[in-house]
Amino acid sequence: MSSLQLDAVTRPQPGRRSRNGDATTTMASTLTARLRNDIIRGRLAPGSKLKIKDLAEAYGVGTIPLREALSRLTTSGFLDFEDQKGFRVRPVSQAELQDLTRVRLLVEKEALRDAIAHADLDWEERIVGALHRMSRLPIVQPERGATLNTDWESAHDDFHRQLLSNCSSAWLKGFADTLRDQTTRYRHLTVGASAGPQRNVPGEHKAIVDAILARDADAACRVLEQHLQRTTELALTHSNTEPGFVAS
C-alpha cells in the first residue's frame, strides 16, 4: 500500500463499527480529522489515488464512516472525486499556492482590519499569550529528520487564528480557517521554507503583534502581507526540488 505512506502512529487498533447512527457520525468526524492530518503532513501523497478497501484496512474502520469522511474532505478541498475513478488526494502546484496566498491576503487583511476596529484588552491578551507560547517552541524537530514540530505547528495555527478572533464576521473567520488549512499542506511539503536561516519567523510574528497593539491597522496589514508573501516566495523556490509539485 505504497500510496498511503502511513506510519505506525496513524494506525489504530481495529474495532467494531457501531450500529448507532450518532456513533457512526462521530467516527466519521474523528476519521475526517485523521485523514486531513495525514494529507496535510504528506503521509497521503499529493495526487495519490485512495482505494476504499486499502484505507479501511489501514485505518481500521468500516466503509460507511470512511466514505462520509472522504466526502467531507472533498467538500473542503483536500480530495478530488471523479465518477468511475474514485477519490484522489488533490495535487499541489505553484499556481495553486500563489492563488491561495492571494485570496488568503484578501480575506485575512479585511478580517484583521475589522478585528482592530473592535480591539479590546481581552483580545490583546490572547494575541500576546499565543505569541509567547509559540516563541518558546522550536519550529522543527531535528531528531525526526527536521520535520515540523507538532507543538509549534499547533501554537502557530492558534496564533494566526487569534489574530483574527476579534473580527465581527464569522464568515471571514471561517474562510480564513479554510485557507490556512490549505496553505499548511504547502508548509509541510516545503518545511525548509519555514525554518531556514534566510528569515526571522519569530521577528515577523512579533512585528504583526506590535502593529496590532499600536492599533495601526495599515501597518498590521502590511506586515501580515509581507509575512505570508515571504512564506510563499520561499516555498515556491523550495518546491522546485520537491517531488509531486506541479509547476503550473
Protein backbone atom coordinates (compact mmCIF):
# COMPACT_ATOMS: atom_id res chain seq x y z
CA MET A 1 0.00 0.00 0.00
CA SER A 2 2.77 2.38 -1.08
CA SER A 3 0.45 5.26 -1.99
CA LEU A 4 -0.75 5.64 1.59
CA GLN A 5 2.64 6.28 3.22
CA LEU A 6 1.21 5.73 6.69
CA ASP A 7 3.28 5.17 9.78
CA ALA A 8 2.51 3.33 12.99
CA VAL A 9 1.18 6.47 14.66
CA THR A 10 -1.73 6.70 12.26
CA ARG A 11 -2.86 3.08 12.68
CA PRO A 12 -5.44 2.45 15.41
CA GLN A 13 -6.35 -0.89 16.84
CA PRO A 14 -9.21 -2.32 14.73
CA GLY A 15 -12.57 -2.22 16.44
CA ARG A 16 -16.22 -2.93 15.77
CA ARG A 17 -18.22 -0.28 14.00
CA SER A 18 -21.19 0.88 16.00
CA ARG A 19 -24.65 0.37 14.52
CA ASN A 20 -25.79 3.56 16.16
CA GLY A 21 -26.10 6.43 13.70
CA ASP A 22 -24.67 9.00 16.11
CA ALA A 23 -21.68 6.79 16.82
CA THR A 24 -21.05 6.35 13.10
CA THR A 25 -21.19 10.11 12.59
CA THR A 26 -18.78 10.66 15.48
CA MET A 27 -16.44 8.07 14.00
CA ALA A 28 -16.64 9.82 10.63
CA SER A 29 -15.71 13.13 12.29
CA THR A 30 -12.72 11.56 14.01
CA LEU A 31 -11.67 9.85 10.80
CA THR A 32 -12.03 13.09 8.83
CA ALA A 33 -9.59 14.77 11.23
CA ARG A 34 -7.10 11.90 10.96
CA LEU A 35 -7.25 11.76 7.16
CA ARG A 36 -6.95 15.54 6.95
CA ASN A 37 -3.89 15.44 9.20
CA ASP A 38 -2.28 12.73 7.06
CA ILE A 39 -2.96 14.74 3.89
CA ILE A 40 -1.52 17.92 5.40
CA ARG A 41 1.58 16.09 6.58
CA GLY A 42 2.07 14.35 3.25
CA ARG A 43 1.53 10.83 4.56
CA LEU A 44 -1.17 10.62 1.93
CA ALA A 45 0.84 11.91 -1.01
CA PRO A 46 -0.47 14.66 -3.32
CA GLY A 47 -2.11 13.13 -6.38
CA SER A 48 -2.30 9.63 -4.91
CA LYS A 49 -5.38 7.51 -5.57
CA LEU A 50 -7.26 6.40 -2.46
CA LYS A 51 -8.79 2.93 -2.55
CA ILE A 52 -11.65 2.40 -0.11
CA LYS A 53 -10.62 -1.15 0.76
CA ASP A 54 -6.99 -0.22 1.44
CA LEU A 55 -7.95 2.82 3.51
CA ALA A 56 -10.47 0.87 5.58
CA GLU A 57 -7.79 -1.68 6.41
CA ALA A 58 -5.10 0.92 7.13
CA TYR A 59 -7.29 2.96 9.47
CA GLY A 60 -9.17 0.02 10.98
CA VAL A 61 -12.63 1.36 10.15
CA GLY A 62 -15.73 0.39 8.19
CA THR A 63 -16.58 1.72 4.75
CA ILE A 64 -19.63 3.77 5.82
CA PRO A 65 -17.81 6.31 8.08
CA LEU A 66 -14.85 6.21 5.68
CA ARG A 67 -16.94 7.28 2.69
CA GLU A 68 -18.53 10.03 4.76
CA ALA A 69 -15.11 11.28 5.84
CA LEU A 70 -13.83 11.24 2.24
CA SER A 71 -16.88 13.17 1.08
CA ARG A 72 -16.27 15.84 3.74
CA LEU A 73 -12.65 16.19 2.67
CA THR A 74 -13.74 16.55 -0.95
CA THR A 75 -16.04 19.40 0.05
CA SER A 76 -13.23 21.14 1.96
CA GLY A 77 -10.84 20.86 -0.99
CA PHE A 78 -8.38 18.24 0.23
CA LEU A 79 -9.59 15.50 -2.12
CA ASP A 80 -10.87 15.28 -5.69
CA PHE A 81 -13.59 12.85 -6.77
CA GLU A 82 -14.43 11.62 -10.25
CA ASP A 83 -17.12 9.17 -11.31
CA GLN A 84 -15.68 5.76 -12.14
CA LYS A 85 -12.28 6.85 -10.80
CA GLY A 86 -12.95 7.47 -7.11
CA PHE A 87 -11.07 9.65 -4.65
CA ARG A 88 -7.64 11.16 -5.13
CA VAL A 89 -5.57 13.47 -2.93
CA ARG A 90 -5.66 16.89 -4.50
CA PRO A 91 -2.37 17.68 -6.26
CA VAL A 92 -0.20 20.60 -5.19
CA SER A 93 1.08 23.21 -7.59
CA GLN A 94 2.89 26.51 -7.65
CA ALA A 95 -0.12 28.13 -9.32
CA GLU A 96 -2.48 26.98 -6.57
CA LEU A 97 -0.13 28.18 -3.83
CA GLN A 98 0.03 31.61 -5.42
CA ASP A 99 -3.75 31.71 -5.75
CA LEU A 100 -4.26 30.56 -2.16
CA THR A 101 -1.93 33.26 -0.93
CA ARG A 102 -3.66 35.96 -2.98
CA VAL A 103 -7.11 35.02 -1.67
CA ARG A 104 -5.84 34.47 1.86
CA LEU A 105 -4.45 38.01 1.90
CA LEU A 106 -7.75 39.44 0.70
CA VAL A 107 -9.63 37.63 3.47
CA GLU A 108 -7.17 38.00 6.33
CA LYS A 109 -6.37 41.67 5.83
CA GLU A 110 -10.07 42.52 5.80
CA ALA A 111 -10.64 40.37 8.89
CA LEU A 112 -7.64 41.91 10.67
CA ARG A 113 -8.84 45.45 9.98
CA ASP A 114 -12.23 44.56 11.42
CA ALA A 115 -10.62 42.92 14.46
CA ILE A 116 -8.52 46.01 15.16
CA ALA A 117 -11.60 48.22 14.80
CA HIS A 118 -13.16 46.19 17.63
CA ALA A 119 -9.96 45.80 19.66
CA ASP A 120 -10.14 45.30 23.41
CA LEU A 121 -7.81 44.17 26.19
CA ASP A 122 -9.05 40.58 26.17
CA TRP A 123 -8.11 40.21 22.52
CA GLU A 124 -4.70 41.77 23.09
CA GLU A 125 -4.06 39.32 25.93
CA ARG A 126 -4.97 36.36 23.73
CA ILE A 127 -2.63 37.51 20.98
CA VAL A 128 0.29 38.20 23.30
CA GLY A 129 -0.24 34.86 25.05
CA ALA A 130 -0.35 32.97 21.75
CA LEU A 131 2.82 34.72 20.59
CA HIS A 132 4.63 33.90 23.83
CA ARG A 133 3.71 30.22 23.67
CA MET A 134 4.79 29.92 20.05
CA SER A 135 8.08 31.73 20.70
CA ARG A 136 9.04 29.19 23.37
CA LEU A 137 8.83 26.25 20.97
CA PRO A 138 11.32 25.16 18.27
CA ILE A 139 9.93 25.19 14.74
CA VAL A 140 11.49 21.91 13.64
CA GLN A 141 12.40 18.59 15.23
CA PRO A 142 15.98 17.74 14.14
CA GLU A 143 15.76 14.33 15.78
CA ARG A 144 12.93 13.47 13.38
CA GLY A 145 14.60 14.46 10.16
CA ALA A 146 13.98 18.21 10.57
CA THR A 147 10.21 17.79 10.36
CA LEU A 148 7.89 20.47 11.69
CA ASN A 149 7.46 20.36 15.46
CA THR A 150 3.82 19.41 16.03
CA ASP A 151 3.63 21.53 19.21
CA TRP A 152 4.93 24.59 17.36
CA GLU A 153 2.58 23.91 14.47
CA SER A 154 -0.40 23.83 16.84
CA ALA A 155 0.77 27.03 18.55
CA HIS A 156 1.36 28.69 15.17
CA ASP A 157 -2.13 27.81 13.97
CA ASP A 158 -3.61 29.16 17.20
CA PHE A 159 -1.59 32.37 16.87
CA HIS A 160 -2.92 33.11 13.40
CA ARG A 161 -6.45 32.22 14.50
CA GLN A 162 -6.19 34.55 17.49
CA LEU A 163 -5.06 37.41 15.25
CA LEU A 164 -8.48 37.33 13.62
CA SER A 165 -10.53 36.13 16.59
CA ASN A 166 -11.84 39.61 17.35
CA CYS A 167 -13.26 40.02 13.84
CA SER A 168 -17.04 40.53 13.91
CA SER A 169 -17.64 38.42 10.78
CA ALA A 170 -17.97 34.67 11.31
CA TRP A 171 -17.81 34.18 7.52
CA LEU A 172 -14.45 35.92 7.21
CA LYS A 173 -13.04 33.86 10.08
CA GLY A 174 -14.42 30.66 8.57
CA PHE A 175 -12.89 31.40 5.15
CA ALA A 176 -9.59 32.28 6.83
CA ASP A 177 -9.54 28.93 8.66
CA THR A 178 -10.16 27.02 5.41
CA LEU A 179 -7.46 28.86 3.51
CA ARG A 180 -4.97 28.46 6.36
CA ASP A 181 -5.60 24.69 6.37
CA GLN A 182 -4.84 24.51 2.67
CA THR A 183 -1.62 26.51 2.93
CA THR A 184 -0.49 24.32 5.83
CA ARG A 185 -0.11 21.47 3.30
CA TYR A 186 2.49 23.51 1.48
CA ARG A 187 4.39 24.35 4.65
CA HIS A 188 4.82 20.65 5.37
CA LEU A 189 5.87 19.88 1.81
CA THR A 190 8.44 22.69 1.93
CA VAL A 191 9.47 22.64 5.59
CA GLY A 192 12.80 24.27 4.77
CA ALA A 193 10.97 27.46 3.87
CA SER A 194 9.65 27.81 7.42
CA ALA A 195 12.85 27.29 9.33
CA GLY A 196 15.73 28.31 7.09
CA PRO A 197 18.38 30.90 8.03
CA GLN A 198 17.05 33.27 5.34
CA ARG A 199 14.27 34.59 7.54
CA ASN A 200 13.40 35.55 11.10
CA VAL A 201 9.98 33.95 11.66
CA PRO A 202 9.66 34.96 15.35
CA GLY A 203 10.52 38.53 14.41
CA GLU A 204 7.88 38.55 11.67
CA HIS A 205 5.22 37.36 14.11
CA LYS A 206 6.24 39.93 16.72
CA ALA A 207 6.04 42.74 14.14
CA ILE A 208 2.41 41.82 13.47
CA VAL A 209 1.57 41.90 17.17
CA ASP A 210 3.42 45.21 17.73
CA ALA A 211 1.37 46.84 14.97
CA ILE A 212 -1.86 45.48 16.43
CA LEU A 213 -1.03 46.70 19.94
CA ALA A 214 -0.36 50.13 18.42
CA ARG A 215 -3.83 49.88 16.85
CA ASP A 216 -2.25 50.67 13.47
CA ALA A 217 -4.39 48.72 11.00
CA ASP A 218 -2.40 49.80 7.93
CA ALA A 219 0.90 48.68 9.46
CA ALA A 220 -0.59 45.43 10.76
CA CYS A 221 -1.97 44.51 7.34
CA ARG A 222 1.32 45.47 5.69
CA VAL A 223 3.49 43.26 7.92
CA LEU A 224 0.96 40.42 7.72
CA GLU A 225 1.13 40.58 3.93
CA GLN A 226 4.92 40.62 3.99
CA HIS A 227 4.91 37.61 6.32
CA LEU A 228 2.59 35.50 4.16
CA GLN A 229 4.22 36.55 0.90
CA ARG A 230 7.66 35.67 2.28
CA THR A 231 6.49 32.18 3.16
CA THR A 232 5.02 31.73 -0.30
CA GLU A 233 8.12 33.02 -2.10
CA LEU A 234 10.41 30.67 -0.18
CA ALA A 235 8.01 27.77 -0.66
CA LEU A 236 7.90 28.37 -4.41
CA THR A 237 11.69 28.37 -4.55
CA HIS A 238 11.90 25.23 -2.40
CA SER A 239 9.19 23.49 -4.41
CA ASN A 240 11.49 23.09 -7.41
CA THR A 241 13.19 20.23 -5.57
CA GLU A 242 10.02 18.68 -4.14
CA PRO A 243 8.52 15.57 -5.78
CA GLY A 244 4.84 15.84 -6.69
CA PHE A 245 4.91 19.62 -7.13
CA VAL A 246 3.39 20.81 -10.39
CA ALA A 247 4.91 23.98 -11.85
CA SER A 248 1.63 25.44 -13.01
